[in-house]
C-alpha atoms as a PDB file:
ATOM      1  CA  MET A   1     -11.359  27.820 -37.762  1.00  0.00           C
ATOM      2  CA  ALA A   2      -7.763  28.781 -37.033  1.00  0.00           C
ATOM      3  CA  THR A   3      -8.812  30.061 -33.629  1.00  0.00           C
ATOM      4  CA  MET A   4     -10.638  26.825 -32.858  1.00  0.00           C
ATOM      5  CA  GLU A   5      -7.645  24.749 -33.916  1.00  0.00           C
ATOM      6  CA  LYS A   6      -5.340  26.891 -31.820  1.00  0.00           C
ATOM      7  CA  SER A   7      -7.594  26.503 -28.783  1.00  0.00           C
ATOM      8  CA  LYS A   8      -7.234  22.746 -29.049  1.00  0.00           C
ATOM      9  CA  MET A   9      -3.474  22.888 -28.892  1.00  0.00           C
ATOM     10  CA  ILE A  10      -1.638  23.204 -25.606  1.00  0.00           C
ATOM     11  CA  GLY A  11       1.919  23.143 -24.333  1.00  0.00           C
ATOM     12  CA  ASP A  12       4.270  22.304 -27.185  1.00  0.00           C
ATOM     13  CA  GLY A  13       1.590  22.380 -29.860  1.00  0.00           C
ATOM     14  CA  LYS A  14       0.024  18.968 -29.180  1.00  0.00           C
ATOM     15  CA  SER A  15      -3.688  18.438 -28.682  1.00  0.00           C
ATOM     16  CA  PRO A  16      -4.965  16.820 -25.458  1.00  0.00           C
ATOM     17  CA  SER A  17      -5.732  13.622 -27.356  1.00  0.00           C
ATOM     18  CA  GLN A  18      -2.171  13.471 -28.695  1.00  0.00           C
ATOM     19  CA  ILE A  19      -0.743  14.049 -25.226  1.00  0.00           C
ATOM     20  CA  LEU A  20      -2.876  11.209 -23.828  1.00  0.00           C
ATOM     21  CA  LYS A  21      -1.699   8.990 -26.677  1.00  0.00           C
ATOM     22  CA  ASP A  22       1.934   9.818 -25.943  1.00  0.00           C
ATOM     23  CA  ILE A  23       1.439   8.980 -22.254  1.00  0.00           C
ATOM     24  CA  ALA A  24      -0.276   5.682 -23.082  1.00  0.00           C
ATOM     25  CA  LEU A  25       2.514   4.717 -25.487  1.00  0.00           C
ATOM     26  CA  SER A  26       5.328   5.633 -23.103  1.00  0.00           C
ATOM     27  CA  GLN A  27       7.183   2.921 -21.179  1.00  0.00           C
ATOM     28  CA  GLU A  28       5.491   4.066 -17.975  1.00  0.00           C
ATOM     29  CA  GLY A  29       2.072   4.027 -19.649  1.00  0.00           C
ATOM     30  CA  ILE A  30       2.573   0.549 -21.100  1.00  0.00           C
ATOM     31  CA  LEU A  31       3.807  -0.780 -17.778  1.00  0.00           C
ATOM     32  CA  PHE A  32       0.867   0.793 -15.941  1.00  0.00           C
ATOM     33  CA  ILE A  33      -1.574  -0.913 -18.311  1.00  0.00           C
ATOM     34  CA  ILE A  34       0.216  -4.230 -17.775  1.00  0.00           C
ATOM     35  CA  LEU A  35       0.101  -3.616 -14.009  1.00  0.00           C
ATOM     36  CA  VAL A  36      -3.663  -3.001 -14.064  1.00  0.00           C
ATOM     37  CA  LEU A  37      -4.246  -6.144 -16.126  1.00  0.00           C
ATOM     38  CA  THR A  38      -2.029  -8.139 -13.756  1.00  0.00           C
ATOM     39  CA  ILE A  39      -3.955  -6.908 -10.710  1.00  0.00           C
ATOM     40  CA  MET A  40      -7.264  -7.802 -12.380  1.00  0.00           C
ATOM     41  CA  ILE A  41      -6.083 -11.326 -13.218  1.00  0.00           C
ATOM     42  CA  LEU A  42      -4.562 -12.009  -9.794  1.00  0.00           C
ATOM     43  CA  SER A  43      -7.559 -10.584  -7.924  1.00  0.00           C
ATOM     44  CA  ARG A  44      -9.930 -12.862  -9.850  1.00  0.00           C
ATOM     45  CA  SER A  45      -7.772 -15.901  -9.140  1.00  0.00           C
ATOM     46  CA  ASN A  46      -7.684 -15.364  -5.370  1.00  0.00           C
ATOM     47  CA  GLU A  47     -10.093 -13.337  -3.238  1.00  0.00           C
ATOM     48  CA  ASN A  48      -7.409 -12.567  -0.645  1.00  0.00           C
ATOM     49  CA  PHE A  49      -5.202 -10.686  -3.083  1.00  0.00           C
ATOM     50  CA  LEU A  50      -6.934  -7.285  -2.989  1.00  0.00           C
ATOM     51  CA  THR A  51      -7.662  -7.254   0.742  1.00  0.00           C
ATOM     52  CA  THR A  52      -6.415  -4.262   2.712  1.00  0.00           C
ATOM     53  CA  ARG A  53      -4.347  -6.482   4.986  1.00  0.00           C
ATOM     54  CA  ASN A  54      -2.543  -8.140   2.081  1.00  0.00           C
ATOM     55  CA  LEU A  55      -1.876  -4.901   0.223  1.00  0.00           C
ATOM     56  CA  PHE A  56      -0.476  -3.220   3.348  1.00  0.00           C
ATOM     57  CA  ASN A  57       1.749  -6.230   3.928  1.00  0.00           C
ATOM     58  CA  GLN A  58       3.021  -6.002   0.362  1.00  0.00           C
ATOM     59  CA  GLY A  59       3.680  -2.318   0.928  1.00  0.00           C
ATOM     60  CA  ARG A  60       5.986  -3.275   3.778  1.00  0.00           C
ATOM     61  CA  LEU A  61       7.745  -5.913   1.698  1.00  0.00           C
ATOM     62  CA  MET A  62       8.364  -3.668  -1.300  1.00  0.00           C
ATOM     63  CA  ALA A  63       9.687  -0.718   0.735  1.00  0.00           C
ATOM     64  CA  GLU A  64      13.227  -2.095   1.020  1.00  0.00           C
ATOM     65  CA  VAL A  65      13.448  -2.889  -2.698  1.00  0.00           C
ATOM     66  CA  GLY A  66      11.888   0.467  -3.549  1.00  0.00           C
ATOM     67  CA  LEU A  67      14.426   2.382  -1.466  1.00  0.00           C
ATOM     68  CA  MET A  68      17.293   0.600  -3.239  1.00  0.00           C
ATOM     69  CA  ALA A  69      15.685   0.965  -6.672  1.00  0.00           C
ATOM     70  CA  LEU A  70      15.632   4.786  -6.475  1.00  0.00           C
ATOM     71  CA  PRO A  71      19.424   5.295  -6.472  1.00  0.00           C
ATOM     72  CA  MET A  72      19.724   2.310  -8.819  1.00  0.00           C
ATOM     73  CA  THR A  73      17.712   4.378 -11.309  1.00  0.00           C
ATOM     74  CA  PHE A  74      20.254   7.191 -11.034  1.00  0.00           C
ATOM     75  CA  ILE A  75      23.132   4.756 -11.524  1.00  0.00           C
ATOM     76  CA  ILE A  76      21.649   2.946 -14.523  1.00  0.00           C
ATOM     77  CA  ILE A  77      20.770   6.278 -16.156  1.00  0.00           C
ATOM     78  CA  THR A  78      24.525   7.002 -16.171  1.00  0.00           C
ATOM     79  CA  GLY A  79      25.162   3.644 -17.835  1.00  0.00           C
ATOM     80  CA  GLY A  80      26.400   1.988 -14.641  1.00  0.00           C
ATOM     81  CA  ILE A  81      25.040  -0.659 -12.311  1.00  0.00           C
ATOM     82  CA  ASP A  82      25.329  -1.602  -8.632  1.00  0.00           C
ATOM     83  CA  LEU A  83      25.173  -5.329  -7.911  1.00  0.00           C
ATOM     84  CA  SER A  84      26.343  -4.917  -4.326  1.00  0.00           C
ATOM     85  CA  VAL A  85      23.271  -3.275  -2.760  1.00  0.00           C
ATOM     86  CA  GLY A  86      21.886  -6.547  -1.383  1.00  0.00           C
ATOM     87  CA  SER A  87      25.208  -7.285   0.301  1.00  0.00           C
ATOM     88  CA  ILE A  88      25.440  -3.719   1.649  1.00  0.00           C
ATOM     89  CA  LEU A  89      21.956  -4.218   3.117  1.00  0.00           C
ATOM     90  CA  GLY A  90      23.157  -7.377   4.855  1.00  0.00           C
ATOM     91  CA  LEU A  91      26.335  -5.682   6.102  1.00  0.00           C
ATOM     92  CA  SER A  92      24.364  -2.719   7.462  1.00  0.00           C
ATOM     93  CA  ALA A  93      21.963  -5.082   9.226  1.00  0.00           C
ATOM     94  CA  ILE A  94      24.912  -6.812  10.886  1.00  0.00           C
ATOM     95  CA  LEU A  95      26.369  -3.454  11.937  1.00  0.00           C
ATOM     96  CA  VAL A  96      23.123  -2.588  13.728  1.00  0.00           C
ATOM     97  CA  GLY A  97      23.253  -5.764  15.807  1.00  0.00           C
ATOM     98  CA  TYR A  98      27.030  -5.876  16.309  1.00  0.00           C
ATOM     99  CA  THR A  99      27.505  -2.285  17.476  1.00  0.00           C
ATOM    100  CA  TRP A 100      24.466  -2.514  19.763  1.00  0.00           C
ATOM    101  CA  SER A 101      24.972  -5.998  21.207  1.00  0.00           C
ATOM    102  CA  ASN A 102      28.745  -6.530  21.080  1.00  0.00           C
ATOM    103  CA  LEU A 103      30.089  -2.989  21.435  1.00  0.00           C
ATOM    104  CA  GLY A 104      27.409  -1.799  23.842  1.00  0.00           C
ATOM    105  CA  MET A 105      26.459   1.314  21.886  1.00  0.00           C
ATOM    106  CA  PRO A 106      22.969   2.820  22.254  1.00  0.00           C
ATOM    107  CA  LEU A 107      20.666   1.521  19.529  1.00  0.00           C
ATOM    108  CA  GLU A 108      20.252   5.026  18.108  1.00  0.00           C
ATOM    109  CA  VAL A 109      24.027   5.227  17.636  1.00  0.00           C
ATOM    110  CA  ALA A 110      24.054   1.692  16.168  1.00  0.00           C
ATOM    111  CA  ILE A 111      21.512   2.787  13.553  1.00  0.00           C
ATOM    112  CA  VAL A 112      23.671   5.782  12.619  1.00  0.00           C
ATOM    113  CA  MET A 113      26.707   3.505  12.357  1.00  0.00           C
ATOM    114  CA  ALA A 114      24.800   1.193  10.027  1.00  0.00           C
ATOM    115  CA  LEU A 115      23.825   4.117   7.787  1.00  0.00           C
ATOM    116  CA  LEU A 116      27.405   5.381   7.776  1.00  0.00           C
ATOM    117  CA  GLY A 117      28.678   1.873   7.037  1.00  0.00           C
ATOM    118  CA  GLY A 118      26.330   1.543   4.070  1.00  0.00           C
ATOM    119  CA  SER A 119      27.312   4.985   2.792  1.00  0.00           C
ATOM    120  CA  LEU A 120      31.008   4.144   3.127  1.00  0.00           C
ATOM    121  CA  ALA A 121      30.510   0.893   1.217  1.00  0.00           C
ATOM    122  CA  GLY A 122      28.801   2.791  -1.604  1.00  0.00           C
ATOM    123  CA  PHE A 123      31.503   5.477  -1.545  1.00  0.00           C
ATOM    124  CA  ILE A 124      34.225   2.817  -1.925  1.00  0.00           C
ATOM    125  CA  ASN A 125      32.386   1.447  -4.965  1.00  0.00           C
ATOM    126  CA  GLY A 126      32.216   4.884  -6.539  1.00  0.00           C
ATOM    127  CA  LEU A 127      35.776   5.847  -5.634  1.00  0.00           C
ATOM    128  CA  ILE A 128      37.356   2.806  -7.297  1.00  0.00           C
ATOM    129  CA  ILE A 129      35.070   3.131 -10.328  1.00  0.00           C
ATOM    130  CA  VAL A 130      36.057   6.787 -10.734  1.00  0.00           C
ATOM    131  CA  ARG A 131      39.744   6.720  -9.785  1.00  0.00           C
ATOM    132  CA  ILE A 132      40.855   3.365 -11.188  1.00  0.00           C
ATOM    133  CA  ASN A 133      38.287   3.188 -14.003  1.00  0.00           C
ATOM    134  CA  VAL A 134      37.081  -0.273 -13.037  1.00  0.00           C
ATOM    135  CA  PRO A 135      33.794  -1.003 -14.892  1.00  0.00           C
ATOM    136  CA  PRO A 136      30.822  -0.742 -12.507  1.00  0.00           C
ATOM    137  CA  LEU A 137      29.694  -4.280 -13.345  1.00  0.00           C
ATOM    138  CA  ILE A 138      33.068  -5.762 -12.360  1.00  0.00           C
ATOM    139  CA  MET A 139      33.560  -3.534  -9.324  1.00  0.00           C
ATOM    140  CA  THR A 140      30.147  -4.112  -7.760  1.00  0.00           C
ATOM    141  CA  LEU A 141      30.236  -7.812  -8.588  1.00  0.00           C
ATOM    142  CA  ALA A 142      33.452  -8.018  -6.557  1.00  0.00           C
ATOM    143  CA  THR A 143      32.055  -6.013  -3.647  1.00  0.00           C
ATOM    144  CA  LEU A 144      28.860  -8.084  -3.740  1.00  0.00           C
ATOM    145  CA  ALA A 145      30.991 -11.002  -2.549  1.00  0.00           C
ATOM    146  CA  PHE A 146      33.304  -8.890  -0.368  1.00  0.00           C
ATOM    147  CA  TYR A 147      30.588  -7.105   1.624  1.00  0.00           C
ATOM    148  CA  ARG A 148      28.619 -10.335   2.094  1.00  0.00           C
ATOM    149  CA  GLY A 149      31.748 -12.097   3.337  1.00  0.00           C
ATOM    150  CA  LEU A 150      32.506  -9.168   5.636  1.00  0.00           C
ATOM    151  CA  ALA A 151      29.003  -9.376   7.104  1.00  0.00           C
ATOM    152  CA  GLN A 152      29.400 -13.097   7.711  1.00  0.00           C
ATOM    153  CA  GLY A 153      32.815 -12.578   9.292  1.00  0.00           C
ATOM    154  CA  ILE A 154      31.600  -9.875  11.673  1.00  0.00           C
ATOM    155  CA  SER A 155      28.504 -11.812  12.711  1.00  0.00           C
ATOM    156  CA  GLU A 156      30.281 -15.182  12.968  1.00  0.00           C
ATOM    157  CA  ALA A 157      26.988 -16.751  11.836  1.00  0.00           C
ATOM    158  CA  ARG A 158      25.254 -15.524  14.993  1.00  0.00           C
ATOM    159  CA  SER A 159      21.905 -13.743  15.090  1.00  0.00           C
ATOM    160  CA  VAL A 160      21.157 -10.777  17.325  1.00  0.00           C
ATOM    161  CA  THR A 161      17.728 -10.474  18.940  1.00  0.00           C
ATOM    162  CA  GLY A 162      16.149  -8.732  21.919  1.00  0.00           C
ATOM    163  CA  TYR A 163      15.881  -5.233  20.456  1.00  0.00           C
ATOM    164  CA  PRO A 164      13.786  -2.693  22.402  1.00  0.00           C
ATOM    165  CA  GLU A 165      10.112  -2.440  21.512  1.00  0.00           C
ATOM    166  CA  TRP A 166      10.312   1.088  20.077  1.00  0.00           C
ATOM    167  CA  PHE A 167      12.693  -0.107  17.352  1.00  0.00           C
ATOM    168  CA  PHE A 168      10.059  -2.398  15.827  1.00  0.00           C
ATOM    169  CA  GLY A 169       7.843   0.565  14.988  1.00  0.00           C
ATOM    170  CA  LEU A 170      10.016   1.338  11.959  1.00  0.00           C
ATOM    171  CA  GLY A 171       9.502  -2.020  10.286  1.00  0.00           C
ATOM    172  CA  GLN A 172       6.199  -3.162  11.772  1.00  0.00           C
ATOM    173  CA  GLY A 173       4.371  -0.026  12.887  1.00  0.00           C
ATOM    174  CA  THR A 174       1.935   2.268  11.133  1.00  0.00           C
ATOM    175  CA  PHE A 175       1.558   6.027  10.805  1.00  0.00           C
ATOM    176  CA  LEU A 176      -1.774   7.566   9.816  1.00  0.00           C
ATOM    177  CA  GLY A 177      -2.991   4.106   8.899  1.00  0.00           C
ATOM    178  CA  PHE A 178      -0.122   3.227   6.538  1.00  0.00           C
ATOM    179  CA  PRO A 179       3.010   1.136   7.159  1.00  0.00           C
ATOM    180  CA  SER A 180       5.814   3.277   8.579  1.00  0.00           C
ATOM    181  CA  GLN A 181       8.376   2.332   5.923  1.00  0.00           C
ATOM    182  CA  LEU A 182       5.981   3.314   3.149  1.00  0.00           C
ATOM    183  CA  TRP A 183       6.166   6.915   4.376  1.00  0.00           C
ATOM    184  CA  LEU A 184       9.945   6.760   4.138  1.00  0.00           C
ATOM    185  CA  LEU A 185       9.619   5.416   0.599  1.00  0.00           C
ATOM    186  CA  ILE A 186       7.175   8.168  -0.381  1.00  0.00           C
ATOM    187  CA  ILE A 187       9.510  10.863   0.970  1.00  0.00           C
ATOM    188  CA  ALA A 188      12.436   9.278  -0.882  1.00  0.00           C
ATOM    189  CA  ILE A 189      10.384   9.147  -4.099  1.00  0.00           C
ATOM    190  CA  ILE A 190       9.519  12.846  -3.890  1.00  0.00           C
ATOM    191  CA  ILE A 191      13.147  13.779  -3.259  1.00  0.00           C
ATOM    192  CA  SER A 192      14.389  11.543  -6.085  1.00  0.00           C
ATOM    193  CA  ILE A 193      11.887  12.931  -8.606  1.00  0.00           C
ATOM    194  CA  THR A 194      12.838  16.471  -7.646  1.00  0.00           C
ATOM    195  CA  VAL A 195      16.558  15.747  -7.981  1.00  0.00           C
ATOM    196  CA  LEU A 196      16.174  14.007 -11.330  1.00  0.00           C
ATOM    197  CA  GLN A 197      13.828  16.521 -12.936  1.00  0.00           C
ATOM    198  CA  ARG A 198      14.610  19.841 -11.267  1.00  0.00           C
ATOM    199  CA  THR A 199      18.310  19.953 -10.447  1.00  0.00           C
ATOM    200  CA  THR A 200      21.655  20.237 -12.193  1.00  0.00           C
ATOM    201  CA  LEU A 201      22.610  16.867 -10.720  1.00  0.00           C
ATOM    202  CA  GLY A 202      19.687  15.210 -12.493  1.00  0.00           C
ATOM    203  CA  ARG A 203      20.577  16.783 -15.852  1.00  0.00           C
ATOM    204  CA  THR A 204      24.179  15.725 -15.337  1.00  0.00           C
ATOM    205  CA  LEU A 205      23.091  12.106 -14.853  1.00  0.00           C
ATOM    206  CA  TYR A 206      21.360  12.082 -18.238  1.00  0.00           C
ATOM    207  CA  ALA A 207      24.333  13.795 -19.865  1.00  0.00           C
ATOM    208  CA  ILE A 208      26.721  11.165 -18.485  1.00  0.00           C
ATOM    209  CA  GLY A 209      24.473   8.382 -19.712  1.00  0.00           C
ATOM    210  CA  ASN A 210      24.228   9.817 -23.205  1.00  0.00           C
ATOM    211  CA  ASN A 211      27.918  10.655 -23.579  1.00  0.00           C
ATOM    212  CA  ALA A 212      30.265  10.571 -20.598  1.00  0.00           C
ATOM    213  CA  VAL A 213      33.212  11.906 -22.595  1.00  0.00           C
ATOM    214  CA  GLY A 214      31.135  14.761 -23.948  1.00  0.00           C
ATOM    215  CA  ALA A 215      29.905  15.542 -20.441  1.00  0.00           C
ATOM    216  CA  ARG A 216      33.514  15.836 -19.228  1.00  0.00           C
ATOM    217  CA  PHE A 217      34.464  18.148 -22.084  1.00  0.00           C
ATOM    218  CA  SER A 218      31.391  20.247 -21.299  1.00  0.00           C
ATOM    219  CA  GLY A 219      32.789  20.876 -17.834  1.00  0.00           C
ATOM    220  CA  LEU A 220      30.276  18.745 -15.952  1.00  0.00           C
ATOM    221  CA  PRO A 221      31.511  17.198 -12.662  1.00  0.00           C
ATOM    222  CA  VAL A 222      31.280  13.594 -13.869  1.00  0.00           C
ATOM    223  CA  ASP A 223      33.491  12.018 -11.189  1.00  0.00           C
ATOM    224  CA  ARG A 224      31.859  13.892  -8.328  1.00  0.00           C
ATOM    225  CA  THR A 225      28.396  13.008  -9.624  1.00  0.00           C
ATOM    226  CA  LEU A 226      29.245   9.300  -9.807  1.00  0.00           C
ATOM    227  CA  LEU A 227      30.666   9.390  -6.273  1.00  0.00           C
ATOM    228  CA  ILE A 228      27.474  11.019  -5.025  1.00  0.00           C
ATOM    229  CA  ILE A 229      25.083   8.498  -6.572  1.00  0.00           C
ATOM    230  CA  TYR A 230      27.077   5.412  -5.538  1.00  0.00           C
ATOM    231  CA  THR A 231      27.340   6.771  -1.996  1.00  0.00           C
ATOM    232  CA  PHE A 232      23.606   7.491  -2.069  1.00  0.00           C
ATOM    233  CA  SER A 233      23.016   3.915  -3.213  1.00  0.00           C
ATOM    234  CA  GLY A 234      25.004   2.625  -0.243  1.00  0.00           C
ATOM    235  CA  PHE A 235      23.108   4.901   2.151  1.00  0.00           C
ATOM    236  CA  MET A 236      19.721   3.708   0.895  1.00  0.00           C
ATOM    237  CA  ALA A 237      20.840   0.083   1.136  1.00  0.00           C
ATOM    238  CA  GLY A 238      21.909   0.819   4.713  1.00  0.00           C
ATOM    239  CA  LEU A 239      18.514   2.342   5.479  1.00  0.00           C
ATOM    240  CA  SER A 240      16.844  -0.722   3.971  1.00  0.00           C
ATOM    241  CA  GLY A 241      19.025  -2.883   6.225  1.00  0.00           C
ATOM    242  CA  VAL A 242      17.832  -1.041   9.326  1.00  0.00           C
ATOM    243  CA  ILE A 243      14.205  -1.472   8.241  1.00  0.00           C
ATOM    244  CA  PHE A 244      14.859  -5.152   7.508  1.00  0.00           C
ATOM    245  CA  VAL A 245      16.131  -5.750  11.049  1.00  0.00           C
ATOM    246  CA  SER A 246      13.188  -3.879  12.517  1.00  0.00           C
ATOM    247  CA  ARG A 247      10.702  -5.914  10.483  1.00  0.00           C
ATOM    248  CA  PHE A 248      12.268  -9.317  11.184  1.00  0.00           C
ATOM    249  CA  THR A 249      13.188  -8.484  14.831  1.00  0.00           C
ATOM    250  CA  THR A 250      16.551 -10.208  14.349  1.00  0.00           C
ATOM    251  CA  THR A 251      19.862  -9.718  12.551  1.00  0.00           C
ATOM    252  CA  ARG A 252      21.289 -12.242  10.092  1.00  0.00           C
ATOM    253  CA  SER A 253      24.153 -11.941   7.630  1.00  0.00           C
ATOM    254  CA  ASP A 254      22.080 -13.358   4.749  1.00  0.00           C
ATOM    255  CA  MET A 255      19.573 -10.501   4.843  1.00  0.00           C
ATOM    256  CA  GLY A 256      19.048  -8.854   1.453  1.00  0.00           C
ATOM    257  CA  ASN A 257      20.426 -11.812  -0.478  1.00  0.00           C
ATOM    258  CA  GLY A 258      19.174 -11.506  -4.081  1.00  0.00           C
ATOM    259  CA  LEU A 259      17.305  -8.220  -3.558  1.00  0.00           C
ATOM    260  CA  GLU A 260      19.723  -6.441  -5.904  1.00  0.00           C
ATOM    261  CA  LEU A 261      18.182  -8.422  -8.775  1.00  0.00           C
ATOM    262  CA  ASP A 262      14.659  -7.286  -7.803  1.00  0.00           C
ATOM    263  CA  ALA A 263      15.831  -3.667  -7.677  1.00  0.00           C
ATOM    264  CA  ILE A 264      17.542  -3.892 -11.078  1.00  0.00           C
ATOM    265  CA  ALA A 265      14.542  -5.705 -12.609  1.00  0.00           C
ATOM    266  CA  ALA A 266      12.166  -3.004 -11.331  1.00  0.00           C
ATOM    267  CA  VAL A 267      14.337  -0.208 -12.760  1.00  0.00           C
ATOM    268  CA  VAL A 268      14.702  -1.842 -16.171  1.00  0.00           C
ATOM    269  CA  LEU A 269      11.034  -2.828 -16.220  1.00  0.00           C
ATOM    270  CA  GLY A 270      10.205   0.804 -15.517  1.00  0.00           C
ATOM    271  CA  GLY A 271      11.876   1.920 -18.738  1.00  0.00           C
ATOM    272  CA  THR A 272      15.356   2.946 -17.635  1.00  0.00           C
ATOM    273  CA  SER A 273      17.790   2.018 -20.400  1.00  0.00           C
ATOM    274  CA  ILE A 274      20.697  -0.228 -19.403  1.00  0.00           C
ATOM    275  CA  PHE A 275      22.739   1.715 -21.967  1.00  0.00           C
ATOM    276  CA  GLY A 276      22.147   4.947 -20.042  1.00  0.00           C
ATOM    277  CA  GLY A 277      20.638   8.319 -20.836  1.00  0.00           C
ATOM    278  CA  LYS A 278      16.999   7.396 -20.279  1.00  0.00           C
ATOM    279  CA  GLY A 279      14.829   6.651 -17.268  1.00  0.00           C
ATOM    280  CA  SER A 280      12.345   7.956 -14.718  1.00  0.00           C
ATOM    281  CA  ILE A 281      11.494   7.465 -11.064  1.00  0.00           C
ATOM    282  CA  ILE A 282       7.789   7.013 -11.825  1.00  0.00           C
ATOM    283  CA  GLY A 283       8.588   4.109 -14.125  1.00  0.00           C
ATOM    284  CA  THR A 284      10.816   2.549 -11.483  1.00  0.00           C
ATOM    285  CA  ILE A 285       8.107   2.708  -8.816  1.00  0.00           C
ATOM    286  CA  ILE A 286       5.579   1.090 -11.150  1.00  0.00           C
ATOM    287  CA  GLY A 287       8.197  -1.585 -11.777  1.00  0.00           C
ATOM    288  CA  VAL A 288       8.703  -2.114  -8.024  1.00  0.00           C
ATOM    289  CA  VAL A 289       4.947  -2.493  -7.485  1.00  0.00           C
ATOM    290  CA  MET A 290       4.698  -4.864 -10.450  1.00  0.00           C
ATOM    291  CA  VAL A 291       7.489  -7.146  -9.220  1.00  0.00           C
ATOM    292  CA  GLN A 292       6.139  -7.294  -5.652  1.00  0.00           C
ATOM    293  CA  LEU A 293       2.510  -7.886  -6.622  1.00  0.00           C
ATOM    294  CA  LEU A 294       3.533 -10.600  -9.052  1.00  0.00           C
ATOM    295  CA  ARG A 295       5.534 -12.342  -6.336  1.00  0.00           C
ATOM    296  CA  ASN A 296       2.674 -12.090  -3.871  1.00  0.00           C
ATOM    297  CA  GLY A 297      -0.119 -12.956  -6.282  1.00  0.00           C
ATOM    298  CA  LEU A 298       1.659 -16.030  -7.582  1.00  0.00           C
ATOM    299  CA  ALA A 299       2.644 -17.137  -4.069  1.00  0.00           C
ATOM    300  CA  ILE A 300      -0.901 -17.051  -2.686  1.00  0.00           C
ATOM    301  CA  ASN A 301      -1.993 -19.046  -5.730  1.00  0.00           C
ATOM    302  CA  GLY A 302       0.471 -21.782  -4.872  1.00  0.00           C
ATOM    303  CA  VAL A 303       3.119 -21.031  -7.500  1.00  0.00           C
ATOM    304  CA  THR A 304       6.638 -22.038  -6.432  1.00  0.00           C
ATOM    305  CA  ASN A 305       9.423 -19.483  -6.083  1.00  0.00           C
ATOM    306  CA  ASP A 306      11.315 -20.860  -9.088  1.00  0.00           C
ATOM    307  CA  ALA A 307       8.247 -20.534 -11.282  1.00  0.00           C
ATOM    308  CA  THR A 308       7.673 -17.008  -9.952  1.00  0.00           C
ATOM    309  CA  ILE A 309      11.141 -15.974 -11.110  1.00  0.00           C
ATOM    310  CA  VAL A 310      10.347 -17.346 -14.573  1.00  0.00           C
ATOM    311  CA  VAL A 311       7.070 -15.398 -14.711  1.00  0.00           C
ATOM    312  CA  ILE A 312       8.702 -12.129 -13.615  1.00  0.00           C
ATOM    313  CA  GLY A 313      11.443 -12.618 -16.192  1.00  0.00           C
ATOM    314  CA  SER A 314       8.841 -13.308 -18.872  1.00  0.00           C
ATOM    315  CA  VAL A 315       6.887 -10.160 -17.978  1.00  0.00           C
ATOM    316  CA  LEU A 316      10.129  -8.173 -18.131  1.00  0.00           C
ATOM    317  CA  ILE A 317      10.936  -9.528 -21.591  1.00  0.00           C
ATOM    318  CA  VAL A 318       7.409  -8.895 -22.897  1.00  0.00           C
ATOM    319  CA  ALA A 319       7.342  -5.338 -21.535  1.00  0.00           C
ATOM    320  CA  ILE A 320      10.694  -4.534 -23.153  1.00  0.00           C
ATOM    321  CA  LEU A 321       9.704  -6.072 -26.514  1.00  0.00           C
ATOM    322  CA  VAL A 322       6.358  -4.279 -26.577  1.00  0.00           C
ATOM    323  CA  ASN A 323       7.987  -0.977 -25.676  1.00  0.00           C
ATOM    324  CA  ASN A 324      10.683  -1.369 -28.353  1.00  0.00           C
ATOM    325  CA  GLN A 325       8.065  -2.151 -30.982  1.00  0.00           C
ATOM    326  CA  ILE A 326       5.945   0.860 -30.040  1.00  0.00           C
ATOM    327  CA  GLN A 327       8.987   3.140 -30.052  1.00  0.00           C
ATOM    328  CA  ARG A 328       9.811   1.965 -33.593  1.00  0.00           C
ATOM    329  CA  LEU A 329       6.249   2.697 -34.689  1.00  0.00           C
ATOM    330  CA  ARG A 330       6.394   6.170 -33.136  1.00  0.00           C
ATOM    331  CA  GLN A 331       9.690   6.945 -34.850  1.00  0.00           C
ATOM    332  CA  SER A 332       8.293   5.889 -38.226  1.00  0.00           C
ATOM    333  CA  GLU A 333       5.308   8.233 -37.951  1.00  0.00           C
END
């Protein structure tokens, strides 16, 4: 009997059934169940929802938010936040058009300049947060307005069009049958999961989120880590800006307006704690898919944008309440 019992236990002493139960009762598991139910409801309400064309189009639309949500996960795990990513996206988009059209640089160089501009914007956020101890909420709220105003000032409310045909492949093309930007998102997901789960940097992020002071006394490079993730956030926002321009075939200073809220909602919906110390990339990606499919499903059913925001907010509240209740039940066992 003892041998039979032992054969049923794996890993840390839990049976397969217990492991499945733990997965189902995790934030990611709960959100995945909600996602499946949402897809079932939306697909029954409109026959166009689950078509290949619509799903591929939604894959394109969620790529920009997904790219920004990955570093946002890192930042929120540390107990911080970055409200400026939408504005950095818009600034990077303007830099693509301005350096190519006004300064006469090759488009390849303009793209690099946009990525560097986004990275620099993120680095400035991190530097002031680290050196002057400005709270991330206050700092990125200020740069949200500053970077958007800078984009509007550089562009002078003018759009840039006429990009070469090859540039549109990034935002409109396909590779092996899938949208090009989805491949970038998949690569970024793999890298982010590896960093968070397999590297010292990832463990440092959780340590900072649980106790920043304790992490400093333990000799962890807290300041350097924060600089890295805020710079990474700016870089990914810059990359999203380049993809945005490629997809829309034009450059406008209002690009990315409000996308920071979608990125934050997806991260929190995916189970990352706003208090820090807890979160996962898998949960964030499920959150990104949930937010985008809800927007699309409600839109094709004739629901207004204002009502869509209410529904997404309601789903976010329900998911958090259900998860908190389940966590209490698990702790009481």
